[in-house]
Each structure stands twice: as structure tokens, then as C-alpha cells.
Amino acid sequence: MNALYPFLAVRDTDAAIAFYAEAFGATVRERVEGPGVVVAVLEIDGMPFGVATEAPNLGTPSPETAGATTVRVSLHVDDPDAAAARAIAAGGKEMFPVADQPYGLRQGRVVDPFGHHWLIADGV
């Protein structure tokens, strides 16, 4: 089996895991801990992604440390309005509300408490 999924760098991996569980229904598929580091693979409806303790010394600071992010995570769901509302209720901040976009998607953007930008849309 081949797969490709991102690992999101965060300062507080346990808080991120809890947020993604509450906001998106994520479950932990795998978790590894070491001195000062936690790496976990999560799933949202069978779609994997990872979270890991930031490592600025290795070039992977969290958006909180970097003051910016260089990626957007695009999450496609049946009901983007409800998914965005759950993410906001869990502590995310609405960047722009879910609305019909000129490119054919119903999409909005939520920034999670760790600085990662989530595009929440219908379709693929």
C-alpha cells in the first residue's frame, strides 16, 4: 500500500490530538513517544495525517513558533458548514465562513489553535 500524508508540527501534541478529535472526529491510529517528543498518526474518516512535536532545530517549527504556516490542509466532507462549526466550537478561529465559491466548492477556512489553516469544503 502506498500513502502520502502530512505531519503537522505543534508545540503541544496532546492538545492537538484532543482538538482534532473534538473538531473533526479524528482518532489515533498510532502514537510514539520519546524524550520531549510525541508523534502520532490520526485519521479522519479513514484519511490519515500526522501531528508531531515541533523541532525548530531540525527545521520544523510549529506555526506558533514560526509566526506563519506554509501549507493549508484541505478537508472535504459531506457537510462543510457543520464541520466548520464543530471546529470553531472546539477552539478554531474562522478565517472566512463556509460559502459557495466561484470555483464550484462550498468552502470556508478555519485556523486551528496551533496555527494550521484548514480549508473545509464539500466535493473533491
C-alpha atoms as a PDB file:
ATOM      1  CA  MET A   1       0.000   0.000   0.000  1.00  0.00           C
ATOM      2  CA  ASN A   2       1.219   3.494  -0.815  1.00  0.00           C
ATOM      3  CA  ALA A   3       0.199   6.595   1.092  1.00  0.00           C
ATOM      4  CA  LEU A   4       1.021  10.268   1.401  1.00  0.00           C
ATOM      5  CA  TYR A   5       0.047  12.368   4.373  1.00  0.00           C
ATOM      6  CA  PRO A   6       1.376  15.451   6.135  1.00  0.00           C
ATOM      7  CA  PHE A   7       2.694  15.733   9.657  1.00  0.00           C
ATOM      8  CA  LEU A   8       1.632  18.964  11.335  1.00  0.00           C
ATOM      9  CA  ALA A   9       4.219  20.403  13.721  1.00  0.00           C
ATOM     10  CA  VAL A  10       2.721  21.627  17.009  1.00  0.00           C
ATOM     11  CA  ARG A  11       4.031  22.775  20.369  1.00  0.00           C
ATOM     12  CA  ASP A  12       1.572  20.656  22.364  1.00  0.00           C
ATOM     13  CA  THR A  13       0.887  17.342  20.669  1.00  0.00           C
ATOM     14  CA  ASP A  14      -1.591  16.115  23.288  1.00  0.00           C
ATOM     15  CA  ALA A  15      -3.644  19.321  22.979  1.00  0.00           C
ATOM     16  CA  ALA A  16      -3.593  18.989  19.180  1.00  0.00           C
ATOM     17  CA  ILE A  17      -4.775  15.380  19.324  1.00  0.00           C
ATOM     18  CA  ALA A  18      -7.621  16.417  21.643  1.00  0.00           C
ATOM     19  CA  PHE A  19      -8.591  19.342  19.385  1.00  0.00           C
ATOM     20  CA  TYR A  20      -8.604  17.251  16.192  1.00  0.00           C
ATOM     21  CA  ALA A  21     -10.702  14.585  17.948  1.00  0.00           C
ATOM     22  CA  GLU A  22     -13.276  17.140  19.088  1.00  0.00           C
ATOM     23  CA  ALA A  23     -13.254  19.285  15.950  1.00  0.00           C
ATOM     24  CA  PHE A  24     -13.067  16.632  13.242  1.00  0.00           C
ATOM     25  CA  GLY A  25     -13.723  13.295  14.944  1.00  0.00           C
ATOM     26  CA  ALA A  26     -10.086  12.256  14.477  1.00  0.00           C
ATOM     27  CA  THR A  27      -8.927   9.018  16.043  1.00  0.00           C
ATOM     28  CA  VAL A  28      -5.393   7.962  16.918  1.00  0.00           C
ATOM     29  CA  ARG A  29      -4.075   5.218  14.666  1.00  0.00           C
ATOM     30  CA  GLU A  30      -0.539   5.192  16.056  1.00  0.00           C
ATOM     31  CA  ARG A  31       1.385   7.082  18.731  1.00  0.00           C
ATOM     32  CA  VAL A  32       5.092   7.070  19.596  1.00  0.00           C
ATOM     33  CA  GLU A  33       6.700   8.971  22.463  1.00  0.00           C
ATOM     34  CA  GLY A  34      10.294   9.792  23.230  1.00  0.00           C
ATOM     35  CA  PRO A  35      12.123  12.304  25.397  1.00  0.00           C
ATOM     36  CA  GLY A  36      10.328  15.598  24.763  1.00  0.00           C
ATOM     37  CA  VAL A  37       8.606  14.421  21.593  1.00  0.00           C
ATOM     38  CA  VAL A  38       5.288  12.852  20.627  1.00  0.00           C
ATOM     39  CA  VAL A  39       4.478  11.698  17.102  1.00  0.00           C
ATOM     40  CA  ALA A  40       1.001  10.444  16.243  1.00  0.00           C
ATOM     41  CA  VAL A  41      -0.840   9.349  13.133  1.00  0.00           C
ATOM     42  CA  LEU A  42      -4.514  10.315  13.245  1.00  0.00           C
ATOM     43  CA  GLU A  43      -7.433   9.508  10.963  1.00  0.00           C
ATOM     44  CA  ILE A  44     -10.480  11.484   9.967  1.00  0.00           C
ATOM     45  CA  ASP A  45     -12.955   9.090   8.309  1.00  0.00           C
ATOM     46  CA  GLY A  46     -10.079   6.835   7.255  1.00  0.00           C
ATOM     47  CA  MET A  47      -7.931   9.712   5.927  1.00  0.00           C
ATOM     48  CA  PRO A  48      -4.574   9.779   7.745  1.00  0.00           C
ATOM     49  CA  PHE A  49      -2.493  12.741   8.816  1.00  0.00           C
ATOM     50  CA  GLY A  50       0.142  13.161  11.476  1.00  0.00           C
ATOM     51  CA  VAL A  51       0.958  15.507  14.309  1.00  0.00           C
ATOM     52  CA  ALA A  52       4.367  15.803  15.871  1.00  0.00           C
ATOM     53  CA  THR A  53       6.076  17.889  18.491  1.00  0.00           C
ATOM     54  CA  GLU A  54       7.795  20.769  16.737  1.00  0.00           C
ATOM     55  CA  ALA A  55      11.548  20.564  16.184  1.00  0.00           C
ATOM     56  CA  PRO A  56      12.823  24.044  15.261  1.00  0.00           C
ATOM     57  CA  ASN A  57      16.417  22.782  15.444  1.00  0.00           C
ATOM     58  CA  LEU A  58      15.552  20.356  12.611  1.00  0.00           C
ATOM     59  CA  GLY A  59      13.740  22.957  10.512  1.00  0.00           C
ATOM     60  CA  THR A  60      10.193  22.012  11.519  1.00  0.00           C
ATOM     61  CA  PRO A  61       8.879  24.706  13.843  1.00  0.00           C
ATOM     62  CA  SER A  62       5.186  24.926  14.551  1.00  0.00           C
ATOM     63  CA  PRO A  63       3.247  27.848  13.061  1.00  0.00           C
ATOM     64  CA  GLU A  64       3.108  29.252  16.604  1.00  0.00           C
ATOM     65  CA  THR A  65       6.908  29.428  16.711  1.00  0.00           C
ATOM     66  CA  ALA A  66       7.374  30.433  13.063  1.00  0.00           C
ATOM     67  CA  GLY A  67       4.613  33.043  13.152  1.00  0.00           C
ATOM     68  CA  ALA A  68       3.201  31.647   9.890  1.00  0.00           C
ATOM     69  CA  THR A  69       2.311  28.447   8.104  1.00  0.00           C
ATOM     70  CA  THR A  70       3.352  27.298   4.653  1.00  0.00           C
ATOM     71  CA  VAL A  71       0.579  24.773   3.997  1.00  0.00           C
ATOM     72  CA  ARG A  72      -3.192  24.605   4.057  1.00  0.00           C
ATOM     73  CA  VAL A  73      -4.939  21.351   4.867  1.00  0.00           C
ATOM     74  CA  SER A  74      -7.954  20.747   2.632  1.00  0.00           C
ATOM     75  CA  LEU A  75     -10.623  18.639   4.324  1.00  0.00           C
ATOM     76  CA  HIS A  76     -13.510  17.553   2.093  1.00  0.00           C
ATOM     77  CA  VAL A  77     -16.663  16.459   3.897  1.00  0.00           C
ATOM     78  CA  ASP A  78     -20.351  15.953   3.169  1.00  0.00           C
ATOM     79  CA  ASP A  79     -21.396  18.954   5.297  1.00  0.00           C
ATOM     80  CA  PRO A  80     -18.722  21.672   5.413  1.00  0.00           C
ATOM     81  CA  ASP A  81     -20.981  24.059   7.329  1.00  0.00           C
ATOM     82  CA  ALA A  82     -21.356  21.594  10.210  1.00  0.00           C
ATOM     83  CA  ALA A  83     -17.669  20.612  10.118  1.00  0.00           C
ATOM     84  CA  ALA A  84     -16.529  24.236  10.275  1.00  0.00           C
ATOM     85  CA  ALA A  85     -18.982  24.953  13.105  1.00  0.00           C
ATOM     86  CA  ARG A  86     -17.583  21.992  15.103  1.00  0.00           C
ATOM     87  CA  ALA A  87     -14.005  23.183  14.532  1.00  0.00           C
ATOM     88  CA  ILE A  88     -14.899  26.702  15.678  1.00  0.00           C
ATOM     89  CA  ALA A  89     -16.784  25.380  18.725  1.00  0.00           C
ATOM     90  CA  ALA A  90     -13.700  23.297  19.610  1.00  0.00           C
ATOM     91  CA  GLY A  91     -11.490  26.405  19.621  1.00  0.00           C
ATOM     92  CA  GLY A  92     -10.632  27.104  15.984  1.00  0.00           C
ATOM     93  CA  LYS A  93     -10.921  30.609  14.531  1.00  0.00           C
ATOM     94  CA  GLU A  94     -12.922  31.327  11.417  1.00  0.00           C
ATOM     95  CA  MET A  95     -10.711  32.876   8.731  1.00  0.00           C
ATOM     96  CA  PHE A  96     -13.587  33.050   6.262  1.00  0.00           C
ATOM     97  CA  PRO A  97     -17.033  31.471   6.530  1.00  0.00           C
ATOM     98  CA  VAL A  98     -18.197  28.498   4.529  1.00  0.00           C
ATOM     99  CA  ALA A  99     -19.861  29.802   1.371  1.00  0.00           C
ATOM    100  CA  ASP A 100     -20.401  28.851  -2.249  1.00  0.00           C
ATOM    101  CA  GLN A 101     -17.165  29.666  -4.076  1.00  0.00           C
ATOM    102  CA  PRO A 102     -16.850  30.699  -7.745  1.00  0.00           C
ATOM    103  CA  TYR A 103     -14.731  27.599  -8.413  1.00  0.00           C
ATOM    104  CA  GLY A 104     -17.628  25.293  -7.571  1.00  0.00           C
ATOM    105  CA  LEU A 105     -16.955  24.255  -3.971  1.00  0.00           C
ATOM    106  CA  ARG A 106     -18.771  25.194  -0.812  1.00  0.00           C
ATOM    107  CA  GLN A 107     -15.745  26.088   1.288  1.00  0.00           C
ATOM    108  CA  GLY A 108     -14.508  28.059   4.283  1.00  0.00           C
ATOM    109  CA  ARG A 109     -11.285  28.332   6.256  1.00  0.00           C
ATOM    110  CA  VAL A 110     -10.650  27.709   9.952  1.00  0.00           C
ATOM    111  CA  VAL A 111      -7.328  28.237  11.728  1.00  0.00           C
ATOM    112  CA  ASP A 112      -6.779  25.667  14.453  1.00  0.00           C
ATOM    113  CA  PRO A 113      -5.369  26.684  17.872  1.00  0.00           C
ATOM    114  CA  PHE A 114      -1.889  25.657  16.676  1.00  0.00           C
ATOM    115  CA  GLY A 115      -1.833  27.939  13.631  1.00  0.00           C
ATOM    116  CA  HIS A 116      -2.651  25.402  10.906  1.00  0.00           C
ATOM    117  CA  HIS A 117      -5.133  26.526   8.246  1.00  0.00           C
ATOM    118  CA  TRP A 118      -7.924  24.089   7.354  1.00  0.00           C
ATOM    119  CA  LEU A 119      -9.908  24.576   4.151  1.00  0.00           C
ATOM    120  CA  ILE A 120     -13.204  22.834   4.851  1.00  0.00           C
ATOM    121  CA  ALA A 121     -15.183  22.044   1.727  1.00  0.00           C
ATOM    122  CA  ASP A 122     -17.580  19.690   0.043  1.00  0.00           C
ATOM    123  CA  GLY A 123     -16.698  17.726  -3.088  1.00  0.00           C
ATOM    124  CA  VAL A 124     -13.194  16.720  -4.071  1.00  0.00           C
END
